[in-house]
C-alpha atoms as a PDB file:
ATOM      1  CA  MET A   1     -41.734   1.184   4.588  1.00  0.00           C
ATOM      2  CA  ASN A   2     -40.291   1.699   1.188  1.00  0.00           C
ATOM      3  CA  ASN A   3     -37.181  -0.454   1.949  1.00  0.00           C
ATOM      4  CA  VAL A   4     -39.910  -3.023   3.285  1.00  0.00           C
ATOM      5  CA  GLN A   5     -41.769  -2.739  -0.048  1.00  0.00           C
ATOM      6  CA  GLY A   6     -38.670  -2.923  -2.093  1.00  0.00           C
ATOM      7  CA  ILE A   7     -37.503  -6.434   0.162  1.00  0.00           C
ATOM      8  CA  LEU A   8     -41.029  -7.743  -1.039  1.00  0.00           C
ATOM      9  CA  LEU A   9     -40.830  -7.183  -4.444  1.00  0.00           C
ATOM     10  CA  VAL A  10     -37.685  -8.401  -4.754  1.00  0.00           C
ATOM     11  CA  ILE A  11     -38.674 -11.521  -3.369  1.00  0.00           C
ATOM     12  CA  GLY A  12     -41.479 -11.469  -5.505  1.00  0.00           C
ATOM     13  CA  ALA A  13     -39.391 -11.131  -8.241  1.00  0.00           C
ATOM     14  CA  MET A  14     -37.139 -13.955  -7.640  1.00  0.00           C
ATOM     15  CA  ALA A  15     -39.826 -16.203  -7.104  1.00  0.00           C
ATOM     16  CA  ALA A  16     -41.340 -14.899 -10.485  1.00  0.00           C
ATOM     17  CA  PHE A  17     -38.082 -16.002 -12.167  1.00  0.00           C
ATOM     18  CA  THR A  18     -37.920 -19.072 -10.293  1.00  0.00           C
ATOM     19  CA  LEU A  19     -41.494 -19.880 -11.707  1.00  0.00           C
ATOM     20  CA  GLU A  20     -40.487 -18.780 -15.483  1.00  0.00           C
ATOM     21  CA  ASP A  21     -37.543 -21.251 -14.919  1.00  0.00           C
ATOM     22  CA  MET A  22     -39.728 -24.245 -13.906  1.00  0.00           C
ATOM     23  CA  PHE A  23     -42.117 -23.645 -17.033  1.00  0.00           C
ATOM     24  CA  ILE A  24     -38.874 -23.383 -19.432  1.00  0.00           C
ATOM     25  CA  LYS A  25     -37.498 -26.849 -17.721  1.00  0.00           C
ATOM     26  CA  SER A  26     -40.883 -28.468 -18.165  1.00  0.00           C
ATOM     27  CA  LEU A  27     -41.494 -27.601 -21.688  1.00  0.00           C
ATOM     28  CA  SER A  28     -37.820 -28.392 -22.538  1.00  0.00           C
ATOM     29  CA  GLU A  29     -38.665 -32.023 -21.897  1.00  0.00           C
ATOM     30  CA  GLN A  30     -41.289 -31.925 -24.845  1.00  0.00           C
ATOM     31  CA  LEU A  31     -40.186 -29.078 -26.763  1.00  0.00           C
ATOM     32  CA  PRO A  32     -36.852 -27.863 -28.337  1.00  0.00           C
ATOM     33  CA  VAL A  33     -35.429 -24.990 -26.284  1.00  0.00           C
ATOM     34  CA  GLY A  34     -34.987 -22.945 -29.778  1.00  0.00           C
ATOM     35  CA  GLN A  35     -38.594 -22.976 -29.919  1.00  0.00           C
ATOM     36  CA  ILE A  36     -39.046 -22.365 -26.321  1.00  0.00           C
ATOM     37  CA  LEU A  37     -36.945 -18.890 -26.485  1.00  0.00           C
ATOM     38  CA  ILE A  38     -38.460 -17.886 -30.204  1.00  0.00           C
ATOM     39  CA  LEU A  39     -42.432 -18.053 -28.155  1.00  0.00           C
ATOM     40  CA  LEU A  40     -41.080 -16.463 -24.966  1.00  0.00           C
ATOM     41  CA  GLY A  41     -39.359 -13.733 -27.292  1.00  0.00           C
ATOM     42  CA  ILE A  42     -42.377 -12.945 -28.995  1.00  0.00           C
ATOM     43  CA  GLY A  43     -44.679 -13.094 -26.045  1.00  0.00           C
ATOM     44  CA  SER A  44     -42.536 -10.946 -23.652  1.00  0.00           C
ATOM     45  CA  GLY A  45     -41.210  -8.766 -26.175  1.00  0.00           C
ATOM     46  CA  SER A  46     -44.916  -7.900 -27.428  1.00  0.00           C
ATOM     47  CA  VAL A  47     -45.798  -6.883 -23.784  1.00  0.00           C
ATOM     48  CA  PHE A  48     -42.598  -4.450 -23.500  1.00  0.00           C
ATOM     49  CA  ALA A  49     -43.471  -3.251 -26.838  1.00  0.00           C
ATOM     50  CA  LEU A  50     -47.099  -2.258 -25.752  1.00  0.00           C
ATOM     51  CA  LEU A  51     -45.747  -0.882 -22.643  1.00  0.00           C
ATOM     52  CA  ALA A  52     -43.256   1.223 -24.292  1.00  0.00           C
ATOM     53  CA  LYS A  53     -46.131   2.721 -26.685  1.00  0.00           C
ATOM     54  CA  TRP A  54     -48.405   3.397 -23.797  1.00  0.00           C
ATOM     55  CA  GLN A  55     -45.659   5.808 -22.159  1.00  0.00           C
ATOM     56  CA  GLY A  56     -45.262   7.313 -25.490  1.00  0.00           C
ATOM     57  CA  HIS A  57     -41.637   6.017 -25.989  1.00  0.00           C
ATOM     58  CA  GLN A  58     -40.511   4.720 -30.008  1.00  0.00           C
ATOM     59  CA  ILE A  59     -38.728   1.597 -29.802  1.00  0.00           C
ATOM     60  CA  LEU A  60     -37.134   2.091 -33.068  1.00  0.00           C
ATOM     61  CA  ALA A  61     -36.002   5.299 -31.993  1.00  0.00           C
ATOM     62  CA  PRO A  62     -32.157   5.979 -33.194  1.00  0.00           C
ATOM     63  CA  ARG A  63     -30.909   6.527 -29.777  1.00  0.00           C
ATOM     64  CA  ALA A  64     -31.836   3.168 -28.625  1.00  0.00           C
ATOM     65  CA  TRP A  65     -30.081   1.149 -31.738  1.00  0.00           C
ATOM     66  CA  ARG A  66     -26.506   2.449 -31.212  1.00  0.00           C
ATOM     67  CA  ARG A  67     -23.772   0.492 -30.640  1.00  0.00           C
ATOM     68  CA  LEU A  68     -23.961  -0.066 -26.637  1.00  0.00           C
ATOM     69  CA  PRO A  69     -27.709  -0.875 -26.773  1.00  0.00           C
ATOM     70  CA  VAL A  70     -27.083  -3.389 -29.225  1.00  0.00           C
ATOM     71  CA  LEU A  71     -24.367  -4.905 -27.746  1.00  0.00           C
ATOM     72  CA  ARG A  72     -26.312  -5.268 -24.403  1.00  0.00           C
ATOM     73  CA  ALA A  73     -29.096  -7.037 -26.413  1.00  0.00           C
ATOM     74  CA  LEU A  74     -26.462  -9.159 -27.720  1.00  0.00           C
ATOM     75  CA  CYS A  75     -25.329 -10.187 -24.291  1.00  0.00           C
ATOM     76  CA  GLU A  76     -28.976 -10.651 -23.268  1.00  0.00           C
ATOM     77  CA  ALA A  77     -29.249 -13.332 -26.442  1.00  0.00           C
ATOM     78  CA  VAL A  78     -26.506 -15.309 -25.641  1.00  0.00           C
ATOM     79  CA  ALA A  79     -27.463 -15.609 -21.781  1.00  0.00           C
ATOM     80  CA  ALA A  80     -30.983 -16.089 -22.578  1.00  0.00           C
ATOM     81  CA  VAL A  81     -29.708 -19.221 -25.211  1.00  0.00           C
ATOM     82  CA  SER A  82     -27.146 -20.676 -22.563  1.00  0.00           C
ATOM     83  CA  PHE A  83     -29.148 -20.329 -19.414  1.00  0.00           C
ATOM     84  CA  ALA A  84     -32.421 -21.818 -21.126  1.00  0.00           C
ATOM     85  CA  SER A  85     -30.144 -24.740 -22.511  1.00  0.00           C
ATOM     86  CA  SER A  86     -28.797 -25.394 -19.285  1.00  0.00           C
ATOM     87  CA  LEU A  87     -31.983 -25.406 -17.509  1.00  0.00           C
ATOM     88  CA  ALA A  88     -32.870 -28.411 -20.036  1.00  0.00           C
ATOM     89  CA  LEU A  89     -29.728 -30.207 -19.329  1.00  0.00           C
ATOM     90  CA  VAL A  90     -28.831 -29.332 -15.647  1.00  0.00           C
ATOM     91  CA  ASP A  91     -30.903 -29.759 -12.340  1.00  0.00           C
ATOM     92  CA  ILE A  92     -32.604 -26.447 -12.078  1.00  0.00           C
ATOM     93  CA  SER A  93     -31.001 -26.126  -8.352  1.00  0.00           C
ATOM     94  CA  VAL A  94     -27.533 -26.129 -10.003  1.00  0.00           C
ATOM     95  CA  VAL A  95     -28.425 -23.685 -12.290  1.00  0.00           C
ATOM     96  CA  ALA A  96     -29.602 -21.364  -9.655  1.00  0.00           C
ATOM     97  CA  ALA A  97     -26.688 -21.947  -7.551  1.00  0.00           C
ATOM     98  CA  VAL A  98     -23.909 -21.468 -10.188  1.00  0.00           C
ATOM     99  CA  PHE A  99     -25.965 -18.208 -11.285  1.00  0.00           C
ATOM    100  CA  GLN A 100     -25.477 -16.748  -7.769  1.00  0.00           C
ATOM    101  CA  ALA A 101     -22.030 -15.978  -8.756  1.00  0.00           C
ATOM    102  CA  THR A 102     -23.223 -13.041 -11.336  1.00  0.00           C
ATOM    103  CA  PRO A 103     -22.385 -10.362  -8.925  1.00  0.00           C
ATOM    104  CA  LEU A 104     -19.044 -11.368  -8.605  1.00  0.00           C
ATOM    105  CA  VAL A 105     -18.531 -11.569 -11.968  1.00  0.00           C
ATOM    106  CA  ILE A 106     -20.026  -7.994 -12.261  1.00  0.00           C
ATOM    107  CA  THR A 107     -17.329  -7.055  -9.600  1.00  0.00           C
ATOM    108  CA  MET A 108     -14.733  -8.432 -11.567  1.00  0.00           C
ATOM    109  CA  GLY A 109     -15.615  -6.886 -14.895  1.00  0.00           C
ATOM    110  CA  ALA A 110     -16.009  -3.319 -13.344  1.00  0.00           C
ATOM    111  CA  ALA A 111     -12.576  -3.888 -11.873  1.00  0.00           C
ATOM    112  CA  LEU A 112     -10.748  -5.052 -15.132  1.00  0.00           C
ATOM    113  CA  PHE A 113     -12.844  -3.110 -17.824  1.00  0.00           C
ATOM    114  CA  LEU A 114     -14.372  -0.008 -16.107  1.00  0.00           C
ATOM    115  CA  GLY A 115     -11.358   0.932 -13.942  1.00  0.00           C
ATOM    116  CA  GLU A 116     -13.443   0.622 -10.455  1.00  0.00           C
ATOM    117  CA  GLN A 117     -10.779  -0.138  -7.634  1.00  0.00           C
ATOM    118  CA  VAL A 118     -11.231  -3.348  -6.253  1.00  0.00           C
ATOM    119  CA  GLY A 119      -9.102  -4.277  -3.220  1.00  0.00           C
ATOM    120  CA  TRP A 120      -7.471  -7.475  -2.115  1.00  0.00           C
ATOM    121  CA  ARG A 121     -10.695  -8.154   0.328  1.00  0.00           C
ATOM    122  CA  ARG A 122     -12.803  -8.160  -2.512  1.00  0.00           C
ATOM    123  CA  TRP A 123     -10.744 -10.118  -5.049  1.00  0.00           C
ATOM    124  CA  SER A 124     -10.246 -12.564  -2.255  1.00  0.00           C
ATOM    125  CA  ALA A 125     -14.188 -13.045  -1.924  1.00  0.00           C
ATOM    126  CA  ILE A 126     -14.471 -13.666  -5.419  1.00  0.00           C
ATOM    127  CA  LEU A 127     -11.966 -16.275  -5.562  1.00  0.00           C
ATOM    128  CA  VAL A 128     -13.624 -17.638  -2.572  1.00  0.00           C
ATOM    129  CA  GLY A 129     -17.169 -17.216  -4.537  1.00  0.00           C
ATOM    130  CA  PHE A 130     -15.428 -19.138  -7.598  1.00  0.00           C
ATOM    131  CA  ALA A 131     -14.419 -21.991  -5.168  1.00  0.00           C
ATOM    132  CA  GLY A 132     -17.921 -22.564  -4.527  1.00  0.00           C
ATOM    133  CA  VAL A 133     -18.734 -22.641  -8.406  1.00  0.00           C
ATOM    134  CA  LEU A 134     -15.890 -25.704  -8.679  1.00  0.00           C
ATOM    135  CA  MET A 135     -17.555 -27.254  -5.786  1.00  0.00           C
ATOM    136  CA  ILE A 136     -20.902 -27.290  -7.661  1.00  0.00           C
ATOM    137  CA  ILE A 137     -19.430 -27.792 -11.171  1.00  0.00           C
ATOM    138  CA  ARG A 138     -16.886 -30.417 -10.229  1.00  0.00           C
ATOM    139  CA  PRO A 139     -14.531 -30.561 -13.304  1.00  0.00           C
ATOM    140  CA  GLY A 140     -12.817 -33.866 -13.468  1.00  0.00           C
ATOM    141  CA  LEU A 141     -14.487 -35.398 -10.276  1.00  0.00           C
ATOM    142  CA  ALA A 142     -17.396 -37.951 -10.479  1.00  0.00           C
ATOM    143  CA  GLY A 143     -20.683 -36.122 -10.831  1.00  0.00           C
ATOM    144  CA  PHE A 144     -18.968 -33.518 -13.193  1.00  0.00           C
ATOM    145  CA  GLU A 145     -21.933 -32.347 -16.056  1.00  0.00           C
ATOM    146  CA  PRO A 146     -20.300 -30.609 -18.797  1.00  0.00           C
ATOM    147  CA  ALA A 147     -23.635 -29.052 -19.485  1.00  0.00           C
ATOM    148  CA  ALA A 148     -23.049 -26.993 -16.205  1.00  0.00           C
ATOM    149  CA  LEU A 149     -20.674 -24.981 -17.871  1.00  0.00           C
ATOM    150  CA  LEU A 150     -23.388 -23.231 -19.889  1.00  0.00           C
ATOM    151  CA  VAL A 151     -24.580 -22.029 -17.026  1.00  0.00           C
ATOM    152  CA  LEU A 152     -21.225 -19.964 -16.617  1.00  0.00           C
ATOM    153  CA  VAL A 153     -21.382 -18.846 -20.010  1.00  0.00           C
ATOM    154  CA  SER A 154     -24.646 -17.249 -18.808  1.00  0.00           C
ATOM    155  CA  VAL A 155     -23.016 -15.529 -15.873  1.00  0.00           C
ATOM    156  CA  VAL A 156     -20.404 -14.254 -18.058  1.00  0.00           C
ATOM    157  CA  ALA A 157     -22.934 -12.805 -20.308  1.00  0.00           C
ATOM    158  CA  VAL A 158     -25.366 -11.204 -17.899  1.00  0.00           C
ATOM    159  CA  ALA A 159     -22.337  -9.508 -16.286  1.00  0.00           C
ATOM    160  CA  GLY A 160     -21.532  -8.084 -19.404  1.00  0.00           C
ATOM    161  CA  ARG A 161     -25.091  -6.844 -20.345  1.00  0.00           C
ATOM    162  CA  ASP A 162     -24.966  -5.246 -16.803  1.00  0.00           C
ATOM    163  CA  LEU A 163     -21.597  -3.580 -17.264  1.00  0.00           C
ATOM    164  CA  MET A 164     -22.824  -2.258 -20.680  1.00  0.00           C
ATOM    165  CA  THR A 165     -25.884  -0.878 -18.873  1.00  0.00           C
ATOM    166  CA  ARG A 166     -23.881   1.196 -16.366  1.00  0.00           C
ATOM    167  CA  VAL A 167     -22.123   3.041 -19.257  1.00  0.00           C
ATOM    168  CA  MET A 168     -25.117   3.067 -21.606  1.00  0.00           C
ATOM    169  CA  ASP A 169     -27.450   6.177 -22.456  1.00  0.00           C
ATOM    170  CA  SER A 170     -29.386   6.431 -19.208  1.00  0.00           C
ATOM    171  CA  ALA A 171     -32.062   8.620 -21.744  1.00  0.00           C
ATOM    172  CA  VAL A 172     -33.079   5.266 -23.216  1.00  0.00           C
ATOM    173  CA  PRO A 173     -36.329   4.216 -21.445  1.00  0.00           C
ATOM    174  CA  SER A 174     -36.291   0.762 -19.618  1.00  0.00           C
ATOM    175  CA  THR A 175     -39.393  -0.439 -21.530  1.00  0.00           C
ATOM    176  CA  VAL A 176     -37.285  -0.011 -24.808  1.00  0.00           C
ATOM    177  CA  VAL A 177     -34.230  -1.965 -23.567  1.00  0.00           C
ATOM    178  CA  SER A 178     -36.687  -4.535 -22.122  1.00  0.00           C
ATOM    179  CA  PHE A 179     -38.225  -4.984 -25.642  1.00  0.00           C
ATOM    180  CA  GLN A 180     -34.481  -5.225 -27.288  1.00  0.00           C
ATOM    181  CA  ALA A 181     -33.589  -8.113 -24.710  1.00  0.00           C
ATOM    182  CA  PHE A 182     -36.478 -10.255 -25.940  1.00  0.00           C
ATOM    183  CA  ALA A 183     -36.693  -9.437 -29.446  1.00  0.00           C
ATOM    184  CA  VAL A 184     -33.025 -10.379 -29.848  1.00  0.00           C
ATOM    185  CA  VAL A 185     -33.971 -13.636 -28.222  1.00  0.00           C
ATOM    186  CA  ILE A 186     -36.043 -14.539 -31.301  1.00  0.00           C
ATOM    187  CA  PRO A 187     -33.578 -14.627 -33.793  1.00  0.00           C
ATOM    188  CA  ALA A 188     -31.000 -16.317 -31.544  1.00  0.00           C
ATOM    189  CA  GLY A 189     -33.806 -19.057 -30.570  1.00  0.00           C
ATOM    190  CA  ALA A 190     -34.225 -19.607 -34.169  1.00  0.00           C
ATOM    191  CA  ILE A 191     -30.262 -19.977 -35.000  1.00  0.00           C
ATOM    192  CA  LEU A 192     -30.235 -22.416 -31.964  1.00  0.00           C
ATOM    193  CA  LEU A 193     -33.491 -24.488 -33.223  1.00  0.00           C
ATOM    194  CA  LEU A 194     -31.362 -24.874 -36.599  1.00  0.00           C
ATOM    195  CA  LEU A 195     -28.273 -26.220 -34.930  1.00  0.00           C
ATOM    196  CA  THR A 196     -29.590 -28.343 -32.154  1.00  0.00           C
ATOM    197  CA  PRO A 197     -32.014 -31.435 -32.580  1.00  0.00           C
ATOM    198  CA  GLY A 198     -35.435 -31.205 -32.623  1.00  0.00           C
ATOM    199  CA  ASP A 199     -38.187 -30.172 -34.783  1.00  0.00           C
ATOM    200  CA  ALA A 200     -40.613 -27.016 -34.290  1.00  0.00           C
ATOM    201  CA  ARG A 201     -44.409 -27.985 -33.621  1.00  0.00           C
ATOM    202  CA  LEU A 202     -47.425 -26.753 -32.394  1.00  0.00           C
ATOM    203  CA  LEU A 203     -48.331 -26.236 -28.736  1.00  0.00           C
ATOM    204  CA  VAL A 204     -50.883 -28.633 -27.744  1.00  0.00           C
ATOM    205  CA  GLY A 205     -53.015 -28.750 -24.564  1.00  0.00           C
ATOM    206  CA  ASN A 206     -51.493 -27.261 -21.273  1.00  0.00           C
ATOM    207  CA  GLU A 207     -48.118 -26.351 -23.238  1.00  0.00           C
ATOM    208  CA  TRP A 208     -50.042 -23.212 -24.013  1.00  0.00           C
ATOM    209  CA  LEU A 209     -50.565 -22.796 -20.436  1.00  0.00           C
ATOM    210  CA  MET A 210     -46.985 -23.217 -19.350  1.00  0.00           C
ATOM    211  CA  MET A 211     -45.803 -21.009 -21.949  1.00  0.00           C
ATOM    212  CA  LEU A 212     -48.081 -18.313 -21.095  1.00  0.00           C
ATOM    213  CA  GLY A 213     -47.055 -18.838 -17.527  1.00  0.00           C
ATOM    214  CA  GLY A 214     -43.321 -18.521 -18.677  1.00  0.00           C
ATOM    215  CA  VAL A 215     -44.221 -15.105 -20.229  1.00  0.00           C
ATOM    216  CA  ILE A 216     -46.699 -13.710 -17.622  1.00  0.00           C
ATOM    217  CA  PHE A 217     -43.683 -14.620 -14.567  1.00  0.00           C
ATOM    218  CA  GLY A 218     -40.671 -13.754 -16.918  1.00  0.00           C
ATOM    219  CA  VAL A 219     -42.525 -10.206 -17.392  1.00  0.00           C
ATOM    220  CA  LEU A 220     -43.803  -9.802 -13.625  1.00  0.00           C
ATOM    221  CA  GLY A 221     -40.156 -10.682 -12.719  1.00  0.00           C
ATOM    222  CA  TYR A 222     -38.660  -7.774 -14.670  1.00  0.00           C
ATOM    223  CA  TYR A 223     -41.140  -5.510 -13.494  1.00  0.00           C
ATOM    224  CA  GLY A 224     -40.695  -6.287  -9.788  1.00  0.00           C
ATOM    225  CA  ILE A 225     -37.125  -6.010  -9.768  1.00  0.00           C
ATOM    226  CA  VAL A 226     -37.197  -2.786 -11.715  1.00  0.00           C
ATOM    227  CA  THR A 227     -39.874  -1.185  -9.429  1.00  0.00           C
ATOM    228  CA  ALA A 228     -37.858  -2.349  -6.130  1.00  0.00           C
ATOM    229  CA  MET A 229     -34.750  -0.387  -7.149  1.00  0.00           C
ATOM    230  CA  ARG A 230     -36.771   2.533  -7.382  1.00  0.00           C
ATOM    231  CA  VAL A 231     -38.931   2.163  -4.176  1.00  0.00           C
ATOM    232  CA  GLY A 232     -35.775   0.565  -2.159  1.00  0.00           C
ATOM    233  CA  ASP A 233     -32.215   1.425  -1.358  1.00  0.00           C
ATOM    234  CA  ALA A 234     -30.296  -0.919  -3.292  1.00  0.00           C
ATOM    235  CA  SER A 235     -28.218  -1.852  -0.433  1.00  0.00           C
ATOM    236  CA  ALA A 236     -31.120  -2.707   1.665  1.00  0.00           C
ATOM    237  CA  VAL A 237     -32.821  -4.774  -1.274  1.00  0.00           C
ATOM    238  CA  THR A 238     -29.939  -6.399  -3.335  1.00  0.00           C
ATOM    239  CA  PRO A 239     -29.164  -8.978  -0.865  1.00  0.00           C
ATOM    240  CA  PHE A 240     -32.760 -10.762  -1.107  1.00  0.00           C
ATOM    241  CA  ARG A 241     -31.582 -11.497  -4.640  1.00  0.00           C
ATOM    242  CA  TYR A 242     -30.372 -14.623  -3.322  1.00  0.00           C
ATOM    243  CA  SER A 243     -33.623 -15.713  -2.381  1.00  0.00           C
ATOM    244  CA  ARG A 244     -33.675 -16.975  -5.855  1.00  0.00           C
ATOM    245  CA  LEU A 245     -31.578 -19.970  -5.093  1.00  0.00           C
ATOM    246  CA  VAL A 246     -34.057 -20.968  -2.215  1.00  0.00           C
ATOM    247  CA  PHE A 247     -37.005 -21.062  -4.407  1.00  0.00           C
ATOM    248  CA  SER A 248     -35.442 -22.927  -6.954  1.00  0.00           C
ATOM    249  CA  ILE A 249     -34.437 -25.531  -4.441  1.00  0.00           C
ATOM    250  CA  LEU A 250     -38.017 -25.886  -3.139  1.00  0.00           C
ATOM    251  CA  VAL A 251     -39.340 -25.991  -7.317  1.00  0.00           C
ATOM    252  CA  GLY A 252     -36.537 -28.515  -7.802  1.00  0.00           C
ATOM    253  CA  VAL A 253     -37.598 -30.807  -5.146  1.00  0.00           C
ATOM    254  CA  ALA A 254     -41.204 -30.438  -5.198  1.00  0.00           C
ATOM    255  CA  MET A 255     -41.764 -30.348  -9.195  1.00  0.00           C
ATOM    256  CA  PHE A 256     -38.729 -32.261 -10.246  1.00  0.00           C
ATOM    257  CA  ASN A 257     -37.562 -34.780  -7.455  1.00  0.00           C
ATOM    258  CA  GLU A 258     -34.413 -32.961  -7.232  1.00  0.00           C
ATOM    259  CA  ARG A 259     -32.142 -33.802  -4.177  1.00  0.00           C
ATOM    260  CA  PRO A 260     -29.028 -31.408  -3.958  1.00  0.00           C
ATOM    261  CA  ASP A 261     -26.068 -33.012  -2.381  1.00  0.00           C
ATOM    262  CA  ALA A 262     -23.822 -31.551   0.626  1.00  0.00           C
ATOM    263  CA  MET A 263     -21.321 -30.166  -1.530  1.00  0.00           C
ATOM    264  CA  THR A 264     -23.813 -28.513  -3.957  1.00  0.00           C
ATOM    265  CA  LEU A 265     -24.910 -26.710  -0.757  1.00  0.00           C
ATOM    266  CA  ALA A 266     -22.022 -25.945   0.770  1.00  0.00           C
ATOM    267  CA  GLY A 267     -20.846 -24.460  -2.638  1.00  0.00           C
ATOM    268  CA  ALA A 268     -23.869 -22.308  -3.003  1.00  0.00           C
ATOM    269  CA  ALA A 269     -23.390 -21.171   0.630  1.00  0.00           C
ATOM    270  CA  LEU A 270     -19.723 -20.112  -0.570  1.00  0.00           C
ATOM    271  CA  ILE A 271     -21.234 -18.113  -3.426  1.00  0.00           C
ATOM    272  CA  ILE A 272     -23.863 -16.592  -1.317  1.00  0.00           C
ATOM    273  CA  LEU A 273     -21.537 -15.481   1.431  1.00  0.00           C
ATOM    274  CA  SER A 274     -18.694 -14.059  -0.910  1.00  0.00           C
ATOM    275  CA  GLY A 275     -21.356 -12.148  -2.706  1.00  0.00           C
ATOM    276  CA  LEU A 276     -22.751 -10.815   0.400  1.00  0.00           C
ATOM    277  CA  TYR A 277     -19.294  -9.862   1.674  1.00  0.00           C
ATOM    278  CA  THR A 278     -18.232  -8.253  -1.771  1.00  0.00           C
ATOM    279  CA  PHE A 279     -21.451  -6.122  -1.608  1.00  0.00           C
ATOM    280  CA  MET A 280     -21.391  -5.258   1.685  1.00  0.00           C
ATOM    281  CA  ARG A 281     -17.433  -4.050   1.550  1.00  0.00           C
ATOM    282  CA  GLU A 282     -18.627  -1.988  -1.657  1.00  0.00           C
ATOM    283  CA  ARG A 283     -21.482  -0.351   0.658  1.00  0.00           C
ATOM    284  CA  ARG A 284     -18.740   0.506   3.368  1.00  0.00           C
ATOM    285  CA  LEU A 285     -16.375   1.902   0.893  1.00  0.00           C
ATOM    286  CA  ALA A 286     -19.338   4.104  -0.830  1.00  0.00           C
ATOM    287  CA  ARG A 287     -20.217   5.348   2.543  1.00  0.00           C
ATOM    288  CA  ALA A 288     -16.530   5.984   3.469  1.00  0.00           C
ATOM    289  CA  GLY A 289     -16.115   7.830   0.241  1.00  0.00           C
ATOM    290  CA  VAL A 290     -19.208  10.160   0.983  1.00  0.00           C
ATOM    291  CA  LEU A 291     -18.063  11.002   4.294  1.00  0.00           C
ATOM    292  CA  ALA A 292     -14.377  11.785   2.994  1.00  0.00           C
ATOM    293  CA  SER A 293     -16.096  14.183   0.503  1.00  0.00           C
END
């Protein structure tokens, strides 16, 4: 029953993240991306600051501001800036499809930087997944959008963030880590606002509602994914993260009149299949290690 609950929470979290992406993309047609990030950082950061205080955690505790937590937060800032910028410039379905390569990059990073053993089968799956990314981005071919490369920057930053989380002090509460992640987006958004065209202005009309929606669904998505990993087995719930791509395609078609072509869909399928294979292979090796011990 716990796994069923965890799966439902993951699917709900992916739907929430997709709705957050939808609001960011819609707002980017009217506001500078830097301003959007500043407001999201203030809104979501305030929520997690209040949650941390409610749970009795200190957001300024020295343990939470050592080198690794700070580096993790900086990766979060790079990921937020590049991801939001790509949403403003590229179809939401393309952004979501390329972003599905994140687990593959994490596996590669774990092998290169954390000394984890990755055999030829998983390396082959990583290469297949990257072939899917190239099919979507199409460098040097007709339909190539340079802005899609920003998604790859976000993928690398998110992978770095998650790899640091693996080796970071587990005593730092999740609410404090989440507060750091959103707090650092505020100065990152300010820098982006200074370096890119467009001036900040007061929100009007439904812009306030869209911003509120972005904050609410971003927080709900984070809460849902954290809770899912606690109530369900990772091996059962993790594959359902790929439901985000389905939601993104539906939102892209319904809200932004997008029409993903056959090569984009084929590339997305390669990424998902290689990611699932990599995950299942890691699960099988983990089980074999337990049996051997």
